Amino acid sequence: MWRRLILALGLIGAVGLVAVAVAGYQLSGVGDEQVPGHVLGGFGAFLFLAFVDLWLLLFLAASGWAARATVRERQVASTVPADLAAASRRAWPLALIGLLSTAAAIVTGALTFTGAMPATAHAGAVALALLAQCGAFWRGNQTLLEHDRQFARLASEAP
């Protein structure tokens, strides 16, 4: 359930980022009257994607804690907590890259707005952020599937 929810929210955030990018391509320049809407939409998409990325990371951490507590409580010898930790470590880098690249897209947007950076640099940063987010959600999906398998294994090991 959580896997589908996190992925659905990630998809919504990515679609929002694409919609804001399409709106940005239609701007005639910094003086365009649609720029404030583009800025607010971009900031909203960033906040939404940051929320989803952080939710994924917190969920992975919390599920590891839950597995360790379950093993300790039921006093079973299990490698599930270690396997969950290994799977989570594979997801963290891409989620952080997705989060930071989306933040970089916002910073380049601000620099473009002030005239300190060309719009093509901002467009490139947004494209990289979108690719990084797709990679983060793909890896997150794989990790959450692994978590489901490990929790099923833990349930079968319990007395």
Protein backbone atom coordinates (compact mmCIF):
# COMPACT_ATOMS: atom_id res chain seq x y z
CA MET A 1 0.00 0.00 0.00
CA TRP A 2 2.68 2.51 0.98
CA ARG A 3 4.68 1.71 -2.12
CA ARG A 4 1.78 2.59 -4.41
CA LEU A 5 0.97 5.73 -2.47
CA ILE A 6 4.55 7.02 -2.53
CA LEU A 7 4.87 6.23 -6.23
CA ALA A 8 1.52 7.86 -7.06
CA LEU A 9 2.54 11.01 -5.22
CA GLY A 10 5.92 10.96 -6.99
CA LEU A 11 4.16 10.67 -10.34
CA ILE A 12 1.89 13.59 -9.47
CA GLY A 13 4.94 15.66 -8.51
CA ALA A 14 6.78 14.75 -11.70
CA VAL A 15 3.74 15.64 -13.82
CA GLY A 16 3.55 18.95 -11.95
CA LEU A 17 7.21 19.61 -12.70
CA VAL A 18 6.65 18.84 -16.40
CA ALA A 19 3.60 21.13 -16.48
CA VAL A 20 5.60 23.97 -14.95
CA ALA A 21 8.44 23.32 -17.41
CA VAL A 22 6.04 23.46 -20.36
CA ALA A 23 4.65 26.73 -19.01
CA GLY A 24 8.21 28.02 -18.68
CA TYR A 25 9.00 27.26 -22.30
CA GLN A 26 6.05 29.43 -23.31
CA LEU A 27 7.37 32.48 -21.46
CA SER A 28 8.72 35.29 -23.61
CA GLY A 29 11.24 36.41 -20.99
CA VAL A 30 11.67 37.58 -17.42
CA GLY A 31 9.26 40.45 -18.00
CA ASP A 32 6.41 38.17 -19.09
CA GLU A 33 3.28 38.54 -16.98
CA GLN A 34 3.11 34.75 -16.51
CA VAL A 35 6.47 34.58 -14.71
CA PRO A 36 5.00 34.84 -11.16
CA GLY A 37 2.73 31.86 -11.85
CA HIS A 38 5.67 29.90 -13.24
CA VAL A 39 7.77 30.71 -10.17
CA LEU A 40 5.00 29.71 -7.76
CA GLY A 41 4.25 26.55 -9.73
CA GLY A 42 7.92 25.60 -9.79
CA PHE A 43 8.29 26.18 -6.08
CA GLY A 44 5.12 24.16 -5.43
CA ALA A 45 6.39 21.27 -7.57
CA PHE A 46 9.73 21.39 -5.74
CA LEU A 47 8.04 21.28 -2.32
CA PHE A 48 5.80 18.42 -3.39
CA LEU A 49 8.71 16.37 -4.77
CA ALA A 50 10.84 17.15 -1.71
CA PHE A 51 7.99 15.93 0.49
CA VAL A 52 7.75 12.66 -1.45
CA ASP A 53 11.52 12.11 -1.46
CA LEU A 54 11.76 12.72 2.27
CA TRP A 55 8.71 10.57 2.94
CA LEU A 56 10.37 7.71 1.06
CA LEU A 57 13.58 8.10 3.07
CA LEU A 58 11.72 8.29 6.39
CA PHE A 59 9.58 5.28 5.47
CA LEU A 60 12.69 3.23 4.67
CA ALA A 61 14.30 4.22 7.96
CA ALA A 62 11.13 3.53 9.97
CA SER A 63 10.58 0.12 8.40
CA GLY A 64 14.14 -0.83 9.34
CA TRP A 65 13.52 0.21 12.91
CA ALA A 66 10.26 -1.75 12.95
CA ALA A 67 11.99 -4.89 11.68
CA ARG A 68 14.71 -4.64 14.31
CA ALA A 69 12.09 -4.16 17.04
CA THR A 70 10.10 -7.15 15.77
CA VAL A 71 13.17 -9.40 15.74
CA ARG A 72 14.12 -8.24 19.24
CA GLU A 73 10.56 -8.65 20.58
CA ARG A 74 9.99 -12.12 19.12
CA GLN A 75 13.54 -13.24 19.88
CA VAL A 76 14.14 -14.82 16.49
CA ALA A 77 17.45 -15.08 14.69
CA SER A 78 16.80 -13.29 11.43
CA THR A 79 18.82 -11.47 8.79
CA VAL A 80 15.79 -9.40 7.74
CA PRO A 81 16.91 -6.17 9.48
CA ALA A 82 20.34 -6.37 7.85
CA ASP A 83 18.79 -7.15 4.47
CA LEU A 84 16.40 -4.19 4.83
CA ALA A 85 19.27 -1.89 5.75
CA ALA A 86 21.23 -3.01 2.69
CA ALA A 87 18.23 -2.40 0.42
CA SER A 88 17.62 1.02 1.96
CA ARG A 89 21.26 2.04 1.48
CA ARG A 90 20.80 1.45 -2.25
CA ALA A 91 17.80 3.82 -2.36
CA TRP A 92 19.18 6.70 -0.30
CA PRO A 93 21.72 8.07 -2.82
CA LEU A 94 19.25 8.39 -5.70
CA ALA A 95 16.58 9.92 -3.46
CA LEU A 96 19.06 12.50 -2.20
CA ILE A 97 20.26 13.22 -5.74
CA GLY A 98 16.64 13.70 -6.81
CA LEU A 99 16.02 16.08 -3.93
CA LEU A 100 19.22 18.08 -4.47
CA SER A 101 18.83 18.28 -8.25
CA THR A 102 15.31 19.62 -7.86
CA ALA A 103 16.62 22.21 -5.41
CA ALA A 104 19.33 23.11 -7.95
CA ALA A 105 16.61 23.64 -10.57
CA ILE A 106 14.93 26.13 -8.21
CA VAL A 107 18.23 27.93 -7.59
CA THR A 108 19.00 28.15 -11.31
CA GLY A 109 15.47 29.47 -11.84
CA ALA A 110 16.11 32.23 -9.32
CA LEU A 111 19.40 33.07 -11.02
CA THR A 112 17.66 33.12 -14.39
CA PHE A 113 15.00 35.42 -13.00
CA THR A 114 17.65 37.88 -11.82
CA GLY A 115 19.47 37.69 -15.16
CA ALA A 116 22.60 36.09 -13.70
CA MET A 117 22.11 32.86 -15.69
CA PRO A 118 20.71 32.08 -19.13
CA ALA A 119 17.33 30.37 -19.37
CA THR A 120 18.90 27.38 -21.14
CA ALA A 121 20.91 26.55 -18.01
CA HIS A 122 17.72 26.56 -15.97
CA ALA A 123 15.98 24.36 -18.56
CA GLY A 124 18.90 21.92 -18.42
CA ALA A 125 18.77 21.83 -14.62
CA VAL A 126 15.03 21.10 -14.73
CA ALA A 127 15.59 18.27 -17.24
CA LEU A 128 18.30 16.76 -15.03
CA ALA A 129 16.06 17.11 -11.98
CA LEU A 130 13.26 15.28 -13.76
CA LEU A 131 15.61 12.46 -14.77
CA ALA A 132 16.98 12.25 -11.23
CA GLN A 133 13.46 12.12 -9.78
CA CYS A 134 12.51 9.33 -12.19
CA GLY A 135 15.62 7.40 -11.15
CA ALA A 136 14.88 7.99 -7.48
CA PHE A 137 11.31 6.77 -7.79
CA TRP A 138 12.37 3.74 -9.83
CA ARG A 139 14.97 2.78 -7.19
CA GLY A 140 12.49 3.58 -4.42
CA ASN A 141 9.95 1.25 -5.99
CA GLN A 142 12.52 -1.54 -6.19
CA THR A 143 13.48 -0.97 -2.56
CA LEU A 144 9.89 -0.90 -1.35
CA LEU A 145 9.22 -4.17 -3.18
CA GLU A 146 12.24 -5.65 -1.43
CA HIS A 147 10.90 -4.37 1.90
CA ASP A 148 7.57 -6.10 1.23
CA ARG A 149 9.38 -9.38 0.51
CA GLN A 150 11.55 -9.08 3.62
CA PHE A 151 8.58 -8.34 5.89
CA ALA A 152 6.75 -11.35 4.46
CA ARG A 153 9.84 -13.42 5.20
CA LEU A 154 9.97 -12.03 8.75
CA ALA A 155 6.30 -12.92 9.28
CA SER A 156 7.00 -16.50 8.20
CA GLU A 157 10.03 -16.75 10.53
CA ALA A 158 8.16 -15.57 13.60
CA PRO A 159 7.04 -18.19 16.10
